[in-house]
C-alpha atoms as a PDB file:
ATOM      1  CA  UNK A   1     145.147 151.540 136.798  1.00  0.00           C
ATOM      2  CA  UNK A   2     142.084 149.318 136.214  1.00  0.00           C
ATOM      3  CA  UNK A   3     140.609 149.802 139.515  1.00  0.00           C
ATOM      4  CA  UNK A   4     140.876 153.469 139.124  1.00  0.00           C
ATOM      5  CA  UNK A   5     138.628 153.198 135.425  1.00  0.00           C
ATOM      6  CA  UNK A   6     136.324 151.212 137.501  1.00  0.00           C
ATOM      7  CA  UNK A   7     136.114 153.387 140.170  1.00  0.00           C
ATOM      8  CA  UNK A   8     135.509 156.322 137.628  1.00  0.00           C
ATOM      9  CA  UNK A   9     132.582 154.316 135.934  1.00  0.00           C
ATOM     10  CA  UNK A  10     130.937 152.938 139.521  1.00  0.00           C
ATOM     11  CA  UNK A  11     131.380 157.153 140.871  1.00  0.00           C
ATOM     12  CA  UNK A  12     129.599 158.166 137.095  1.00  0.00           C
ATOM     13  CA  UNK A  13     126.838 155.485 137.334  1.00  0.00           C
ATOM     14  CA  UNK A  14     126.179 156.044 141.183  1.00  0.00           C
ATOM     15  CA  UNK A  15     126.378 159.720 139.953  1.00  0.00           C
ATOM     16  CA  UNK A  16     123.520 159.263 136.960  1.00  0.00           C
ATOM     17  CA  UNK A  17     121.445 157.033 139.286  1.00  0.00           C
ATOM     18  CA  UNK A  18     121.367 160.184 142.192  1.00  0.00           C
ATOM     19  CA  UNK A  19     120.670 162.503 139.112  1.00  0.00           C
ATOM     20  CA  UNK A  20     117.842 160.221 137.511  1.00  0.00           C
ATOM     21  CA  UNK A  21     116.097 159.491 141.009  1.00  0.00           C
ATOM     22  CA  UNK A  22     115.814 163.059 141.967  1.00  0.00           C
ATOM     23  CA  UNK A  23     114.350 164.082 138.448  1.00  0.00           C
ATOM     24  CA  UNK A  24     111.915 161.539 138.846  1.00  0.00           C
ATOM     25  CA  UNK A  25     111.078 162.120 142.201  1.00  0.00           C
ATOM     26  CA  UNK A  26     111.141 166.039 141.237  1.00  0.00           C
ATOM     27  CA  UNK A  27     108.526 165.055 138.411  1.00  0.00           C
ATOM     28  CA  UNK A  28     106.213 162.750 140.443  1.00  0.00           C
ATOM     29  CA  UNK A  29     106.243 164.821 144.089  1.00  0.00           C
ATOM     30  CA  UNK A  30     105.628 168.159 141.854  1.00  0.00           C
ATOM     31  CA  UNK A  31     102.816 166.225 140.321  1.00  0.00           C
ATOM     32  CA  UNK A  32     103.764 168.124 136.884  1.00  0.00           C
ATOM     33  CA  UNK A  33     101.890 165.669 134.543  1.00  0.00           C
ATOM     34  CA  UNK A  34      99.054 164.932 136.301  1.00  0.00           C
ATOM     35  CA  UNK A  35      98.402 168.660 137.109  1.00  0.00           C
ATOM     36  CA  UNK A  36      99.334 169.183 133.079  1.00  0.00           C
ATOM     37  CA  UNK A  37      96.419 166.410 131.761  1.00  0.00           C
ATOM     38  CA  UNK A  38      94.170 167.804 134.029  1.00  0.00           C
ATOM     39  CA  UNK A  39      94.578 171.840 133.189  1.00  0.00           C
ATOM     40  CA  UNK A  40      94.652 170.808 129.317  1.00  0.00           C
ATOM     41  CA  UNK A  41      91.751 167.967 129.742  1.00  0.00           C
ATOM     42  CA  UNK A  42      93.683 165.857 127.829  1.00  0.00           C
ATOM     43  CA  UNK A  43      93.946 162.402 130.195  1.00  0.00           C
ATOM     44  CA  UNK A  44      93.004 159.958 126.743  1.00  0.00           C
ATOM     45  CA  UNK A  45      97.042 161.460 125.676  1.00  0.00           C
ATOM     46  CA  UNK A  46      98.557 160.230 128.720  1.00  0.00           C
ATOM     47  CA  UNK A  47     100.679 157.591 126.767  1.00  0.00           C
ATOM     48  CA  UNK A  48     102.263 160.683 124.571  1.00  0.00           C
ATOM     49  CA  UNK A  49     103.227 162.635 127.731  1.00  0.00           C
ATOM     50  CA  UNK A  50     105.245 159.493 129.184  1.00  0.00           C
ATOM     51  CA  UNK A  51     106.884 158.884 125.632  1.00  0.00           C
ATOM     52  CA  UNK A  52     107.894 162.500 125.419  1.00  0.00           C
ATOM     53  CA  UNK A  53     109.165 162.882 128.911  1.00  0.00           C
ATOM     54  CA  UNK A  54     111.321 159.306 128.013  1.00  0.00           C
ATOM     55  CA  UNK A  55     112.589 161.181 124.384  1.00  0.00           C
ATOM     56  CA  UNK A  56     113.342 163.815 126.213  1.00  0.00           C
ATOM     57  CA  UNK A  57     115.733 162.833 128.716  1.00  0.00           C
ATOM     58  CA  UNK A  58     117.382 160.403 126.595  1.00  0.00           C
ATOM     59  CA  UNK A  59     117.692 163.336 123.538  1.00  0.00           C
ATOM     60  CA  UNK A  60     119.282 165.967 126.480  1.00  0.00           C
ATOM     61  CA  UNK A  61     121.669 162.708 127.925  1.00  0.00           C
ATOM     62  CA  UNK A  62     122.784 162.806 124.159  1.00  0.00           C
ATOM     63  CA  UNK A  63     123.329 166.537 123.478  1.00  0.00           C
ATOM     64  CA  UNK A  64     125.203 166.900 126.818  1.00  0.00           C
ATOM     65  CA  UNK A  65     127.338 164.074 126.489  1.00  0.00           C
ATOM     66  CA  UNK A  66     128.086 164.309 122.358  1.00  0.00           C
ATOM     67  CA  UNK A  67     130.940 166.071 121.381  1.00  0.00           C
ATOM     68  CA  UNK A  68     129.417 168.395 118.665  1.00  0.00           C
ATOM     69  CA  UNK A  69     128.201 171.844 117.940  1.00  0.00           C
ATOM     70  CA  UNK A  70     125.490 173.821 115.919  1.00  0.00           C
ATOM     71  CA  UNK A  71     127.374 177.108 114.120  1.00  0.00           C
ATOM     72  CA  UNK A  72     124.113 179.265 113.896  1.00  0.00           C
ATOM     73  CA  UNK A  73     124.183 182.711 113.074  1.00  0.00           C
ATOM     74  CA  UNK A  74     123.148 184.982 116.161  1.00  0.00           C
ATOM     75  CA  UNK A  75     120.031 185.894 114.186  1.00  0.00           C
ATOM     76  CA  UNK A  76     118.550 182.276 114.591  1.00  0.00           C
ATOM     77  CA  UNK A  77     119.795 181.905 118.303  1.00  0.00           C
ATOM     78  CA  UNK A  78     117.435 184.848 118.877  1.00  0.00           C
ATOM     79  CA  UNK A  79     114.522 183.042 118.934  1.00  0.00           C
ATOM     80  CA  UNK A  80     116.174 179.987 120.208  1.00  0.00           C
ATOM     81  CA  UNK A  81     117.248 181.462 122.935  1.00  0.00           C
ATOM     82  CA  UNK A  82     113.685 183.064 123.690  1.00  0.00           C
ATOM     83  CA  UNK A  83     112.050 179.402 123.277  1.00  0.00           C
ATOM     84  CA  UNK A  84     114.610 178.156 126.296  1.00  0.00           C
ATOM     85  CA  UNK A  85     114.084 181.137 128.200  1.00  0.00           C
ATOM     86  CA  UNK A  86     110.000 180.809 127.589  1.00  0.00           C
ATOM     87  CA  UNK A  87     110.700 177.249 128.866  1.00  0.00           C
ATOM     88  CA  UNK A  88     112.828 178.224 132.114  1.00  0.00           C
ATOM     89  CA  UNK A  89     110.256 180.523 132.908  1.00  0.00           C
ATOM     90  CA  UNK A  90     107.370 178.313 132.565  1.00  0.00           C
ATOM     91  CA  UNK A  91     109.407 175.802 134.777  1.00  0.00           C
ATOM     92  CA  UNK A  92     110.055 178.251 137.695  1.00  0.00           C
ATOM     93  CA  UNK A  93     106.660 179.696 137.562  1.00  0.00           C
ATOM     94  CA  UNK A  94     104.975 176.022 137.934  1.00  0.00           C
ATOM     95  CA  UNK A  95     107.247 175.200 140.433  1.00  0.00           C
ATOM     96  CA  UNK A  96     106.901 178.652 142.061  1.00  0.00           C
ATOM     97  CA  UNK A  97     103.415 178.026 141.953  1.00  0.00           C
ATOM     98  CA  UNK A  98     103.243 174.418 143.263  1.00  0.00           C
ATOM     99  CA  UNK A  99     105.324 175.459 146.233  1.00  0.00           C
ATOM    100  CA  UNK A 100     103.026 178.767 146.601  1.00  0.00           C
ATOM    101  CA  UNK A 101     106.204 181.396 146.710  1.00  0.00           C
ATOM    102  CA  UNK A 102     104.306 184.066 145.067  1.00  0.00           C
ATOM    103  CA  UNK A 103     100.966 184.542 147.241  1.00  0.00           C
ATOM    104  CA  UNK A 104     103.367 184.237 150.540  1.00  0.00           C
ATOM    105  CA  UNK A 105     106.060 186.824 149.116  1.00  0.00           C
ATOM    106  CA  UNK A 106     103.531 189.156 148.166  1.00  0.00           C
ATOM    107  CA  UNK A 107     101.802 188.834 152.084  1.00  0.00           C
ATOM    108  CA  UNK A 108     105.529 188.836 153.425  1.00  0.00           C
ATOM    109  CA  UNK A 109     106.762 191.815 152.014  1.00  0.00           C
ATOM    110  CA  UNK A 110     103.104 193.395 151.232  1.00  0.00           C
ATOM    111  CA  UNK A 111     103.513 193.980 147.925  1.00  0.00           C
ATOM    112  CA  UNK A 112      99.859 193.051 146.694  1.00  0.00           C
ATOM    113  CA  UNK A 113      99.021 195.719 144.528  1.00  0.00           C
ATOM    114  CA  UNK A 114     101.740 195.835 142.967  1.00  0.00           C
ATOM    115  CA  UNK A 115     102.811 192.205 142.271  1.00  0.00           C
ATOM    116  CA  UNK A 116     102.438 192.446 138.462  1.00  0.00           C
ATOM    117  CA  UNK A 117     104.653 195.287 138.135  1.00  0.00           C
ATOM    118  CA  UNK A 118     107.293 192.701 139.990  1.00  0.00           C
ATOM    119  CA  UNK A 119     106.290 190.086 137.807  1.00  0.00           C
ATOM    120  CA  UNK A 120     107.193 192.314 134.417  1.00  0.00           C
ATOM    121  CA  UNK A 121     110.508 193.199 136.003  1.00  0.00           C
ATOM    122  CA  UNK A 122     111.485 189.737 136.911  1.00  0.00           C
ATOM    123  CA  UNK A 123     110.088 188.581 132.971  1.00  0.00           C
ATOM    124  CA  UNK A 124     112.048 191.693 131.864  1.00  0.00           C
ATOM    125  CA  UNK A 125     115.108 190.706 133.709  1.00  0.00           C
ATOM    126  CA  UNK A 126     115.313 187.557 132.397  1.00  0.00           C
ATOM    127  CA  UNK A 127     114.676 188.207 129.089  1.00  0.00           C
ATOM    128  CA  UNK A 128     117.416 191.366 128.926  1.00  0.00           C
ATOM    129  CA  UNK A 129     119.772 188.920 130.617  1.00  0.00           C
ATOM    130  CA  UNK A 130     118.938 186.221 128.086  1.00  0.00           C
ATOM    131  CA  UNK A 131     119.640 188.576 125.220  1.00  0.00           C
ATOM    132  CA  UNK A 132     123.097 189.871 126.663  1.00  0.00           C
ATOM    133  CA  UNK A 133     124.172 186.013 127.045  1.00  0.00           C
ATOM    134  CA  UNK A 134     123.123 185.249 123.770  1.00  0.00           C
ATOM    135  CA  UNK A 135     124.164 187.850 121.447  1.00  0.00           C
ATOM    136  CA  UNK A 136     127.107 189.149 123.300  1.00  0.00           C
ATOM    137  CA  UNK A 137     128.575 186.835 125.522  1.00  0.00           C
ATOM    138  CA  UNK A 138     128.116 183.401 122.921  1.00  0.00           C
END
């Protein structure tokens, strides 16, 4: 029985190390923080960026593994879902920008003139999906 628990602990620890390393590599390779510092011209606040990332990871771990729920009214869930959607959209847009997905896609599909409408359609679909989830399925 003890061997089973030790194996479970080792597997969980190995999985955590793997995910943590992948996340750190993702942030480092894509140079998210240096790019953000460059765009916002806030080199003097690099310690704040580092602290924010560390605290965010710790809070995310606590929320994920914690056994608690917030029972909020649906009217409060709307702005929370909207903010989460904005974050996910900005993160995916930054990833697409770094990987040059949008310029390559527009060249391949020959939709350079209507790219603005495609981005708005994707944004509208994301918002509609989030609203359906938060208002109807939650």
